Protein backbone atom coordinates (compact mmCIF):
# COMPACT_ATOMS: atom_id res chain seq x y z
CA MET A 1 -25.04 -22.40 20.52
CA THR A 2 -25.94 -22.20 16.86
CA THR A 3 -29.48 -21.08 17.67
CA ALA A 4 -28.19 -18.39 20.02
CA ARG A 5 -25.74 -17.21 17.37
CA ALA A 6 -28.50 -16.96 14.78
CA ALA A 7 -30.68 -15.02 17.21
CA LEU A 8 -27.80 -12.64 17.88
CA ASP A 9 -27.15 -12.15 14.15
CA GLU A 10 -30.83 -11.45 13.58
CA GLN A 11 -30.84 -8.94 16.40
CA LEU A 12 -27.74 -7.22 15.00
CA GLU A 13 -29.27 -7.10 11.53
CA LEU A 14 -32.40 -5.53 13.00
CA VAL A 15 -30.38 -2.90 14.85
CA TRP A 16 -28.38 -2.21 11.67
CA PHE A 17 -31.58 -1.93 9.64
CA ARG A 18 -33.17 0.45 12.17
CA GLN A 19 -30.07 2.67 12.14
CA ILE A 20 -30.15 2.88 8.34
CA VAL A 21 -33.85 3.71 8.42
CA GLU A 22 -33.34 6.43 11.05
CA ARG A 23 -30.52 8.06 9.10
CA GLY A 24 -32.28 8.03 5.74
CA PRO A 25 -33.13 11.41 4.16
CA ASP A 26 -36.73 10.41 3.38
CA ALA A 27 -39.58 9.36 5.61
CA ILE A 28 -39.58 5.54 5.84
CA VAL A 29 -42.72 3.55 6.64
CA VAL A 30 -42.61 -0.26 6.81
CA ILE A 31 -45.95 -2.12 6.74
CA ASP A 32 -46.92 -5.76 6.95
CA SER A 33 -49.17 -7.64 4.53
CA ASP A 34 -52.25 -6.49 6.47
CA GLY A 35 -51.28 -2.86 5.88
CA ARG A 36 -50.32 -2.14 9.47
CA ILE A 37 -47.36 0.07 10.26
CA ILE A 38 -44.56 -1.81 12.04
CA LEU A 39 -41.72 0.71 11.64
CA VAL A 40 -41.29 4.44 11.02
CA ASN A 41 -38.31 6.77 11.30
CA ARG A 42 -37.78 10.27 12.67
CA GLN A 43 -38.40 11.88 9.25
CA THR A 44 -41.87 10.26 9.19
CA GLU A 45 -42.73 11.90 12.50
CA HIS A 46 -41.60 15.30 11.16
CA LEU A 47 -43.33 14.89 7.79
CA PHE A 48 -46.76 13.73 9.06
CA ASP A 49 -46.58 15.42 12.49
CA TYR A 50 -47.45 12.20 14.35
CA PRO A 51 -45.45 10.80 17.26
CA ARG A 52 -44.15 7.32 16.53
CA SER A 53 -46.34 5.77 19.19
CA GLU A 54 -49.53 6.89 17.41
CA LEU A 55 -48.49 5.30 14.10
CA LEU A 56 -47.15 1.88 15.06
CA GLY A 57 -49.84 -0.78 14.69
CA GLU A 58 -52.18 1.51 12.75
CA LEU A 59 -53.26 0.92 9.16
CA VAL A 60 -51.08 2.87 6.76
CA GLU A 61 -54.23 4.60 5.44
CA ILE A 62 -53.97 6.89 8.46
CA LEU A 63 -51.41 8.79 6.37
CA VAL A 64 -53.67 8.92 3.28
CA PRO A 65 -56.41 11.56 2.66
CA GLU A 66 -59.82 10.19 3.58
CA GLN A 67 -61.18 10.37 0.03
CA PHE A 68 -58.43 8.03 -1.17
CA ARG A 69 -58.35 5.51 1.69
CA LYS A 70 -60.70 2.93 0.24
CA GLY A 71 -58.92 2.92 -3.10
CA HIS A 72 -55.54 2.85 -1.39
CA GLY A 73 -56.45 -0.33 0.44
CA ILE A 74 -57.18 -2.04 -2.88
CA PHE A 75 -53.88 -0.88 -4.39
CA ARG A 76 -52.02 -2.00 -1.26
CA ASP A 77 -53.49 -5.50 -1.41
CA ALA A 78 -52.66 -5.68 -5.14
CA TYR A 79 -49.06 -4.70 -4.38
CA PHE A 80 -48.62 -7.56 -1.91
CA GLY A 81 -50.07 -9.88 -4.54
CA GLU A 82 -47.26 -8.93 -6.93
CA PRO A 83 -44.56 -7.07 -4.98
CA LYS A 84 -41.83 -5.27 -6.90
CA VAL A 85 -39.66 -2.17 -6.66
CA ARG A 86 -41.41 1.00 -7.76
CA GLU A 87 -39.17 4.06 -8.12
CA MET A 88 -39.80 7.46 -6.63
CA GLY A 89 -42.12 9.65 -8.70
CA ALA A 90 -43.32 6.93 -11.06
CA GLY A 91 -45.85 9.15 -12.78
CA LEU A 92 -48.47 9.11 -9.96
CA GLU A 93 -50.03 12.20 -8.38
CA LEU A 94 -50.09 11.18 -4.70
CA SER A 95 -51.02 13.05 -1.54
CA GLY A 96 -50.29 12.58 2.16
CA ARG A 97 -52.32 13.63 5.22
CA ARG A 98 -50.86 15.12 8.37
CA LYS A 99 -52.27 14.64 11.86
CA ASP A 100 -54.02 18.03 11.66
CA GLY A 101 -55.82 16.95 8.48
CA THR A 102 -53.82 19.08 6.04
CA GLU A 103 -52.90 17.42 2.78
CA PHE A 104 -49.68 17.78 0.77
CA PRO A 105 -48.22 16.25 -2.41
CA ILE A 106 -45.83 13.33 -1.96
CA GLU A 107 -43.72 10.94 -3.97
CA ILE A 108 -43.29 7.32 -2.88
CA SER A 109 -40.87 4.57 -3.79
CA LEU A 110 -41.84 1.04 -2.75
CA SER A 111 -39.63 -1.97 -2.07
CA PRO A 112 -40.70 -5.45 -0.92
CA LEU A 113 -38.95 -6.91 2.15
CA ASP A 114 -39.10 -10.72 2.16
CA THR A 115 -38.11 -11.94 5.64
CA GLU A 116 -38.46 -15.06 7.78
CA ARG A 117 -41.32 -13.30 9.53
CA GLY A 118 -43.17 -12.75 6.29
CA LEU A 119 -43.48 -10.24 3.47
CA PHE A 120 -43.26 -6.53 4.26
CA ALA A 121 -43.24 -3.37 2.16
CA ALA A 122 -40.96 -0.39 2.76
CA ALA A 123 -42.15 2.98 1.51
CA ALA A 124 -39.73 5.89 1.15
CA ILE A 125 -41.87 9.04 1.20
CA ARG A 126 -40.76 12.49 0.06
CA ASP A 127 -42.60 15.81 0.37
CA ALA A 128 -43.14 16.92 -3.26
CA THR A 129 -44.57 20.36 -2.44
CA GLN A 130 -41.60 22.31 -3.79
CA ARG A 131 -41.21 20.03 -6.77
CA ARG A 132 -44.88 20.32 -7.70
CA LYS A 133 -44.65 24.08 -7.28
CA ALA A 134 -41.60 24.19 -9.56
CA GLN A 135 -43.44 21.99 -12.06
CA ARG A 136 -46.43 24.33 -12.06
CA GLN A 137 -44.18 27.32 -12.51
CA PHE A 138 -42.37 25.54 -15.35
CA ARG A 139 -45.66 24.64 -17.02
CA ASN A 140 -46.92 28.22 -16.64
CA LEU A 141 -43.69 29.51 -18.13
CA LEU A 142 -44.01 27.01 -20.94
CA GLU A 143 -47.57 28.08 -21.66
CA ALA A 144 -46.55 31.76 -21.69
CA ALA A 145 -43.73 31.18 -24.18
CA PRO A 146 -44.31 32.91 -27.54
CA ASP A 147 -43.06 29.87 -29.49
CA ALA A 148 -44.42 26.37 -29.68
CA MET A 149 -42.61 24.29 -27.04
CA VAL A 150 -42.14 20.54 -27.39
CA ILE A 151 -40.27 18.55 -24.74
CA ILE A 152 -39.12 15.03 -25.61
CA ASP A 153 -37.35 12.30 -23.68
CA SER A 154 -34.21 10.45 -24.71
CA VAL A 155 -36.10 7.96 -26.89
CA GLY A 156 -37.95 10.67 -28.77
CA ASP A 157 -41.33 10.45 -27.03
CA ILE A 158 -43.15 13.75 -26.49
CA ALA A 159 -43.40 14.44 -22.75
CA LEU A 160 -44.92 17.90 -22.76
CA VAL A 161 -46.27 20.51 -25.20
CA ASN A 162 -47.75 23.97 -24.73
CA ALA A 163 -50.85 25.63 -26.15
CA GLN A 164 -48.82 27.23 -28.97
CA ALA A 165 -47.74 23.77 -30.14
CA VAL A 166 -51.38 22.65 -30.12
CA ARG A 167 -52.35 25.61 -32.32
CA MET A 168 -49.33 25.30 -34.60
CA PHE A 169 -49.60 21.59 -35.39
CA GLY A 170 -53.38 21.15 -35.08
CA TYR A 171 -53.25 18.17 -32.68
CA GLN A 172 -54.90 17.97 -29.30
CA ARG A 173 -52.40 17.83 -26.45
CA GLU A 174 -53.20 14.22 -25.56
CA ALA A 175 -52.69 13.19 -29.19
CA MET A 176 -49.07 14.33 -29.02
CA VAL A 177 -47.92 13.43 -25.51
CA GLY A 178 -46.50 9.92 -25.41
CA HIS A 179 -45.99 9.71 -29.18
CA LYS A 180 -42.78 10.01 -31.17
CA VAL A 181 -41.81 13.55 -32.06
CA GLU A 182 -41.42 12.45 -35.68
CA MET A 183 -45.22 12.75 -35.98
CA LEU A 184 -44.61 16.52 -36.29
CA ILE A 185 -42.15 16.07 -39.18
CA PRO A 186 -42.86 15.36 -42.87
CA GLN A 187 -42.85 11.63 -43.67
CA ARG A 188 -39.86 11.85 -46.04
CA LEU A 189 -37.69 13.36 -43.29
CA ARG A 190 -38.60 11.08 -40.37
CA ASN A 191 -35.91 8.42 -40.69
CA ALA A 192 -33.16 11.03 -40.94
CA HIS A 193 -34.63 13.01 -38.05
CA ALA A 194 -34.62 9.97 -35.77
CA GLY A 195 -30.89 9.63 -36.41
CA HIS A 196 -30.30 13.33 -35.71
CA ARG A 197 -32.35 13.09 -32.53
CA ASP A 198 -30.38 10.10 -31.21
CA HIS A 199 -27.15 11.91 -32.07
CA TYR A 200 -28.29 14.99 -30.15
CA PHE A 201 -28.80 13.02 -26.94
CA THR A 202 -25.27 11.61 -27.14
CA GLY A 203 -23.91 15.15 -26.75
CA PRO A 204 -26.77 17.49 -25.83
CA LYS A 205 -26.08 21.20 -26.06
CA VAL A 206 -27.91 24.44 -26.74
CA ARG A 207 -28.53 25.06 -30.43
CA GLU A 208 -29.84 28.51 -31.24
CA MET A 209 -32.88 29.30 -33.31
CA GLY A 210 -32.23 29.28 -37.07
CA ALA A 211 -28.83 27.58 -36.92
CA GLY A 212 -28.46 27.46 -40.69
CA LEU A 213 -30.85 24.52 -41.24
CA GLU A 214 -33.81 24.39 -43.61
CA LEU A 215 -36.44 22.60 -41.50
CA SER A 216 -40.09 21.76 -42.06
CA GLY A 217 -42.98 20.88 -39.77
CA ARG A 218 -46.09 18.81 -40.54
CA ARG A 219 -49.57 19.65 -39.28
CA LYS A 220 -52.29 17.14 -38.46
CA ASP A 221 -53.92 17.77 -41.85
CA GLY A 222 -50.66 16.83 -43.62
CA SER A 223 -49.73 20.34 -44.70
CA GLU A 224 -46.09 21.31 -44.35
CA PHE A 225 -44.58 24.63 -43.34
CA PRO A 226 -41.07 26.04 -42.77
CA ILE A 227 -39.87 26.21 -39.18
CA GLU A 228 -36.92 27.21 -37.05
CA ILE A 229 -35.99 25.23 -33.95
CA SER A 230 -33.83 26.00 -30.95
CA LEU A 231 -32.83 23.04 -28.79
CA SER A 232 -31.85 23.00 -25.14
CA PRO A 233 -30.99 19.99 -22.96
CA LEU A 234 -33.10 19.63 -19.81
CA GLU A 235 -31.60 17.44 -17.09
CA THR A 236 -34.11 16.26 -14.48
CA ASP A 237 -34.41 13.62 -11.77
CA ASP A 238 -36.30 11.55 -14.31
CA GLY A 239 -33.50 11.69 -16.88
CA MET A 240 -32.39 13.82 -19.80
CA PHE A 241 -34.94 15.63 -21.93
CA ALA A 242 -34.66 18.01 -24.87
CA THR A 243 -36.68 21.21 -25.08
CA ALA A 244 -37.48 22.37 -28.60
CA ALA A 245 -38.75 25.90 -29.23
CA VAL A 246 -40.45 25.79 -32.63
CA ARG A 247 -41.22 28.89 -34.69
CA ASP A 248 -43.34 29.06 -37.84
CA ILE A 249 -41.39 31.18 -40.35
CA THR A 250 -43.86 31.00 -43.23
CA ASP A 251 -44.36 34.77 -43.27
CA ARG A 252 -40.62 35.41 -43.11
CA LYS A 253 -39.91 33.02 -45.98
CA LEU A 254 -42.63 34.69 -48.04
CA ALA A 255 -41.15 38.12 -47.25
CA GLU A 256 -37.66 36.88 -48.17
CA ARG A 257 -38.90 35.55 -51.52
CA THR A 258 -40.77 38.79 -52.17
CA LEU A 259 -37.69 40.83 -51.25
CA THR A 260 -35.44 38.66 -53.43
CA GLU A 261 -37.80 39.02 -56.36
CA TYR A 262 -38.04 42.75 -55.77
CA ALA A 263 -34.25 43.06 -55.64
CA ARG A 264 -33.94 41.05 -58.85
CA THR A 265 -36.52 43.26 -60.56
CA LEU A 266 -34.87 46.41 -59.22
CA GLU A 267 -31.47 45.26 -60.42
CA ALA A 268 -32.87 44.59 -63.90
CA SER A 269 -34.57 48.00 -63.87
CA ASN A 270 -31.34 49.69 -62.82
CA VAL A 271 -29.47 48.00 -65.65
CA GLN A 272 -32.11 49.10 -68.14
CA LEU A 273 -32.12 52.62 -66.69
CA GLU A 274 -28.33 52.86 -66.92
CA GLN A 275 -28.42 51.61 -70.51
CA PHE A 276 -31.15 54.11 -71.33
CA ALA A 277 -29.24 56.96 -69.66
CA TYR A 278 -26.08 56.07 -71.54
CA VAL A 279 -27.79 55.69 -74.92
CA ALA A 280 -29.97 58.77 -74.47
CA SER A 281 -27.06 60.89 -73.31
CA HIS A 282 -24.86 59.64 -76.12
CA ASP A 283 -27.54 60.25 -78.74
CA LEU A 284 -28.17 63.78 -77.46
CA GLN A 285 -24.56 64.79 -77.98
CA ALA A 286 -24.82 65.33 -81.75
CA PRO A 287 -28.03 67.46 -81.68
CA LEU A 288 -26.55 69.63 -78.93
CA ARG A 289 -23.33 70.13 -80.88
CA ASN A 290 -25.45 71.12 -83.87
CA ILE A 291 -27.41 73.63 -81.77
CA VAL A 292 -24.22 75.22 -80.47
CA GLY A 293 -22.61 75.20 -83.93
CA PHE A 294 -25.64 76.62 -85.80
CA ASN A 295 -26.14 79.21 -83.07
CA GLU A 296 -22.58 80.46 -83.59
CA LEU A 297 -22.91 80.31 -87.40
CA LEU A 298 -26.19 82.23 -87.35
CA GLN A 299 -24.72 84.78 -84.97
CA ARG A 300 -21.76 85.38 -87.30
CA LYS A 301 -23.96 85.49 -90.41
CA LEU A 302 -26.29 88.11 -89.03
CA GLY A 303 -23.35 89.98 -87.58
CA PRO A 304 -23.84 93.77 -87.55
CA ALA A 305 -27.61 93.42 -88.00
CA LEU A 306 -27.96 92.16 -84.45
CA ASP A 307 -28.82 94.62 -81.70
CA GLY A 308 -28.09 94.18 -78.01
CA ASP A 309 -31.26 92.19 -77.28
CA ASP A 310 -30.51 89.82 -80.16
CA GLN A 311 -26.99 89.27 -78.88
CA GLU A 312 -28.37 88.49 -75.44
CA LEU A 313 -30.79 85.90 -76.86
CA PHE A 314 -28.00 84.19 -78.79
CA GLY A 315 -25.99 84.16 -75.56
CA ILE A 316 -28.85 82.54 -73.65
CA ILE A 317 -29.19 79.82 -76.32
CA ASP A 318 -25.48 79.10 -76.13
CA GLU A 319 -25.49 79.04 -72.32
CA CYS A 320 -28.50 76.70 -72.16
CA ALA A 321 -26.98 74.34 -74.73
CA ARG A 322 -23.66 74.23 -72.91
CA ARG A 323 -25.42 73.63 -69.58
CA MET A 324 -27.31 70.77 -71.18
CA GLN A 325 -24.01 69.47 -72.54
CA ALA A 326 -22.55 69.50 -69.03
CA LEU A 327 -25.56 67.56 -67.69
CA ILE A 328 -25.24 64.97 -70.44
CA ASP A 329 -21.52 64.64 -69.74
CA GLY A 330 -22.33 64.10 -66.05
CA LEU A 331 -24.93 61.43 -66.86
CA LEU A 332 -22.50 59.67 -69.17
CA GLU A 333 -19.84 59.79 -66.46
CA LEU A 334 -22.25 58.33 -63.88
CA SER A 335 -23.27 55.59 -66.33
CA ARG A 336 -19.64 54.73 -66.94
CA VAL A 337 -19.01 54.52 -63.19
CA ASN A 338 -22.01 52.22 -62.70
CA GLN A 339 -20.83 49.95 -65.50
CA THR A 340 -17.20 49.91 -64.46
CA LYS A 341 -15.77 46.56 -63.39
CA LEU A 342 -13.62 47.41 -60.41
CA VAL A 343 -9.96 46.46 -60.52
CA HIS A 344 -9.07 45.96 -56.87
CA GLN A 345 -5.39 46.45 -56.28
CA PRO A 346 -3.16 48.01 -53.64
CA VAL A 347 -2.72 51.71 -54.26
CA GLU A 348 -0.90 54.46 -52.41
CA LEU A 349 -3.49 57.05 -51.38
CA GLN A 350 -0.87 59.79 -51.70
CA GLN A 351 -0.37 58.81 -55.32
CA ILE A 352 -4.13 59.06 -55.89
CA VAL A 353 -4.13 62.60 -54.46
CA ASP A 354 -1.18 63.56 -56.67
CA ASN A 355 -2.94 62.20 -59.76
CA ALA A 356 -6.11 64.14 -58.92
CA CYS A 357 -4.15 67.36 -58.40
CA LEU A 358 -2.37 66.84 -61.72
CA GLN A 359 -5.76 66.61 -63.45
CA LEU A 360 -6.82 69.84 -61.71
CA GLN A 361 -3.51 71.67 -62.19
CA SER A 362 -4.88 74.61 -64.19
CA THR A 363 -7.86 75.00 -61.82
CA LEU A 364 -5.60 74.94 -58.77
CA THR A 365 -3.24 77.50 -60.28
CA GLU A 366 -6.02 79.82 -61.37
CA ALA A 367 -7.65 79.75 -57.92
CA GLY A 368 -4.35 79.99 -56.04
CA ALA A 369 -5.38 76.85 -54.13
CA THR A 370 -3.20 74.65 -51.94
CA VAL A 371 -3.72 70.94 -51.25
CA THR A 372 -1.93 69.44 -48.26
CA THR A 373 -1.91 65.89 -46.91
CA ALA A 374 -1.05 64.06 -43.73
CA SER A 375 0.74 60.72 -43.90
CA LEU A 376 -1.62 58.71 -46.10
CA PRO A 377 -1.88 54.89 -46.03
CA LYS A 378 -2.03 52.26 -48.72
CA VAL A 379 -5.58 51.14 -49.55
CA THR A 380 -7.27 48.65 -51.85
CA GLY A 381 -9.36 49.94 -54.72
CA ASP A 382 -9.73 50.93 -58.33
CA GLU A 383 -7.05 53.54 -59.06
CA SER A 384 -8.98 55.28 -61.83
CA LEU A 385 -12.22 55.61 -59.86
CA LEU A 386 -10.46 56.71 -56.67
CA THR A 387 -8.64 59.40 -58.65
CA GLN A 388 -11.99 60.61 -59.99
CA LEU A 389 -13.40 60.58 -56.42
CA LEU A 390 -10.60 62.80 -55.05
CA GLN A 391 -10.69 64.98 -58.17
CA ASN A 392 -14.40 65.71 -57.65
CA LEU A 393 -14.03 66.44 -53.92
CA ILE A 394 -11.00 68.72 -54.39
CA GLY A 395 -12.75 70.42 -57.32
CA ASN A 396 -15.79 71.10 -55.14
CA ALA A 397 -13.59 72.57 -52.41
CA ILE A 398 -12.04 74.98 -54.93
CA LYS A 399 -15.39 75.92 -56.47
CA PHE A 400 -17.41 76.72 -53.35
CA GLN A 401 -15.35 79.55 -51.91
CA PRO A 402 -16.16 83.12 -50.85
CA ALA A 403 -15.16 85.76 -53.37
CA GLY A 404 -11.44 86.46 -53.27
CA ALA A 405 -10.62 83.57 -50.92
CA LYS A 406 -7.66 81.25 -51.41
CA PRO A 407 -8.86 77.62 -51.26
CA CYS A 408 -7.08 75.34 -48.79
CA VAL A 409 -7.73 71.60 -48.86
CA HIS A 410 -6.30 69.14 -46.35
CA ILE A 411 -6.56 65.35 -46.78
CA SER A 412 -5.95 62.94 -43.89
CA ALA A 413 -6.76 59.36 -42.92
CA SER A 414 -7.30 57.30 -39.78
CA PRO A 415 -7.87 53.57 -39.27
CA THR A 416 -11.28 52.25 -38.18
CA THR A 417 -12.16 49.25 -36.05
CA ALA A 418 -13.48 47.43 -39.15
CA GLY A 419 -10.06 47.17 -40.78
CA ARG A 420 -10.70 50.10 -43.11
CA GLN A 421 -9.36 53.63 -43.48
CA GLN A 422 -11.54 56.69 -42.96
CA ILE A 423 -10.49 59.49 -45.30
CA GLN A 424 -11.23 63.16 -44.56
CA VAL A 425 -11.19 65.89 -47.21
CA LYS A 426 -11.44 69.21 -45.35
CA ASP A 427 -11.77 72.64 -46.99
CA ASN A 428 -12.13 76.27 -45.94
CA GLY A 429 -15.08 77.04 -48.22
CA ILE A 430 -18.51 78.57 -47.71
CA GLY A 431 -19.85 75.51 -45.84
CA ILE A 432 -23.25 73.83 -45.95
CA ASP A 433 -26.29 74.33 -43.76
CA ALA A 434 -26.86 71.36 -41.43
CA GLN A 435 -30.37 70.77 -42.77
CA GLN A 436 -29.01 70.32 -46.29
CA LEU A 437 -26.18 67.88 -45.49
CA ASP A 438 -28.26 64.76 -46.17
CA SER A 439 -29.33 65.99 -49.62
CA VAL A 440 -25.96 67.00 -51.08
CA PHE A 441 -25.48 63.54 -52.65
CA THR A 442 -28.88 63.57 -54.38
CA MET A 443 -28.53 63.68 -58.16
CA PHE A 444 -29.16 67.13 -59.71
CA ARG A 445 -29.50 68.58 -56.21
CA ARG A 446 -27.99 72.07 -56.23
CA LEU A 447 -27.73 74.28 -53.16
CA HIS A 448 -26.86 77.40 -55.19
CA THR A 449 -27.89 78.84 -58.53
CA SER A 450 -25.67 78.39 -61.56
CA ASP A 451 -25.14 82.16 -61.61
CA ASP A 452 -23.42 81.88 -58.21
CA TYR A 453 -21.55 78.60 -58.69
CA ALA A 454 -21.30 76.54 -61.85
CA GLY A 455 -22.12 72.82 -61.80
CA THR A 456 -24.67 70.15 -62.62
CA GLY A 457 -25.41 68.57 -59.23
CA ILE A 458 -24.04 65.20 -60.39
CA GLY A 459 -20.47 65.29 -59.06
CA LEU A 460 -21.25 64.24 -55.48
CA SER A 461 -23.62 61.53 -56.74
CA ILE A 462 -20.68 60.11 -58.68
CA CYS A 463 -18.54 60.30 -55.52
CA GLN A 464 -21.16 58.40 -53.54
CA LYS A 465 -21.40 55.71 -56.21
CA ILE A 466 -17.63 55.23 -56.30
CA VAL A 467 -17.45 54.87 -52.50
CA GLU A 468 -20.36 52.41 -52.48
CA LEU A 469 -18.65 50.32 -55.17
CA HIS A 470 -15.77 50.01 -52.70
CA GLY A 471 -18.13 48.82 -49.96
CA GLY A 472 -18.06 52.08 -48.01
CA SER A 473 -20.16 55.11 -47.21
CA ILE A 474 -19.64 58.86 -47.58
CA TRP A 475 -21.00 61.76 -45.56
CA ALA A 476 -20.34 65.41 -44.87
CA GLU A 477 -19.95 67.58 -41.80
CA SER A 478 -20.12 71.35 -42.12
CA GLU A 479 -21.17 74.73 -40.80
CA PRO A 480 -21.98 77.75 -42.99
CA GLY A 481 -18.89 79.93 -43.27
CA ALA A 482 -16.65 77.36 -41.52
CA GLY A 483 -15.80 75.02 -44.39
CA THR A 484 -16.84 71.44 -45.09
CA SER A 485 -15.32 68.03 -44.34
CA PHE A 486 -16.21 65.05 -46.50
CA PHE A 487 -15.60 61.62 -44.96
CA PHE A 488 -15.51 58.25 -46.69
CA ASP A 489 -14.01 54.86 -45.89
CA LEU A 490 -11.95 52.47 -48.02
CA PRO A 491 -10.66 48.93 -47.46
CA THR A 492 -7.12 48.71 -46.11
CA MET A 493 -4.44 46.73 -47.88
CA PHE A 494 -2.77 44.29 -45.51
């Protein structure tokens, strides 16, 4: 009874085993110690295109390409000498052979089956065609990448590199693959990097290129160079990997240093130039006053002896001296603006307009001008400089008018998306040709002769400087005969 029960249990176990094998997703081939096939499932028939009857009892090498059969027999015998589980895709490039002779890439996992009838081996076989194709595509993509690509596993070993990495670091591909990634990092940074690397794998995520870190790479010859790295986790059937895109930024760092040095030199030159302009302008004041004074004294002394031509010459001297005086005053004013330390405070823009109009009261009255405003906001800025800004713009609007016209100036404001206010100063003056709009802020740039309209060509340069000191920009829109609108932006007071 006991023997019959054991036989029944064995038969049930065999049926159970066969059902599991039939339902498995992979092709299953069970062989004995002589290498003969004793069991296959339906997936094996589909994969190798053999009917089951033609496989059972045959050597397993029937499923192996002819050129590999002899070697496969040796490996098979060695496996039965030391049987153990070998996982799917354990780093071997294997191929299978169908009944029609076609070959295809496969992956195999092996498991020993120790039974009362002896030792067997079960092979789970998977068609790796699509996986190999995806791997080739991935490798091609990797090779085409513009940056050096280094892929490491969770313990920091380099699994894959591309040609750009070979060129960048000076190592042959085989000298990098399988070694710790720290070989590409300066010696003094390796211990810290290993800690960072382990920390990354505990919570892998994408880190963009140049994420605020000062990093260095190390070439085979020991030379170091600045790099940027972007990291991306890569989850595969073989585990978690990290893909590092490495970029040599030596040229950029050199350009940044050059630019910084240039900016420092330019700043020093600007300071010296401003000091020179201030000193030169200041020192020219006294000689010019003397020229004007002596010209008037000489004119009075000669008096009746002067004829009309003489009077005209004295007038030209006086006009030239006064024009020079106006230029010097403009340069001094620009120097003072450049050297002004801004006092940022909340100011009512309407109050700024009122202050500017008060300064221009006599000019406004003489020209019969009107200045109107919309509801103006509170802004942040230097009250004195902003008053000068509006004074210059309103003064320009009054000056550049057709003969006999009554100047009208309207000032309005609108918020911008950057949390600032855009101010518009619109007039009904003679306007500006579109081709000259970009040059109106150039120092000493005059669009009209002094006989037509007085001025030095410095006023709008001062306006531009004041706006820039407040972190903004200024521009003009105009059409000849249709007036001009000047726009500038100021920070809003919250």
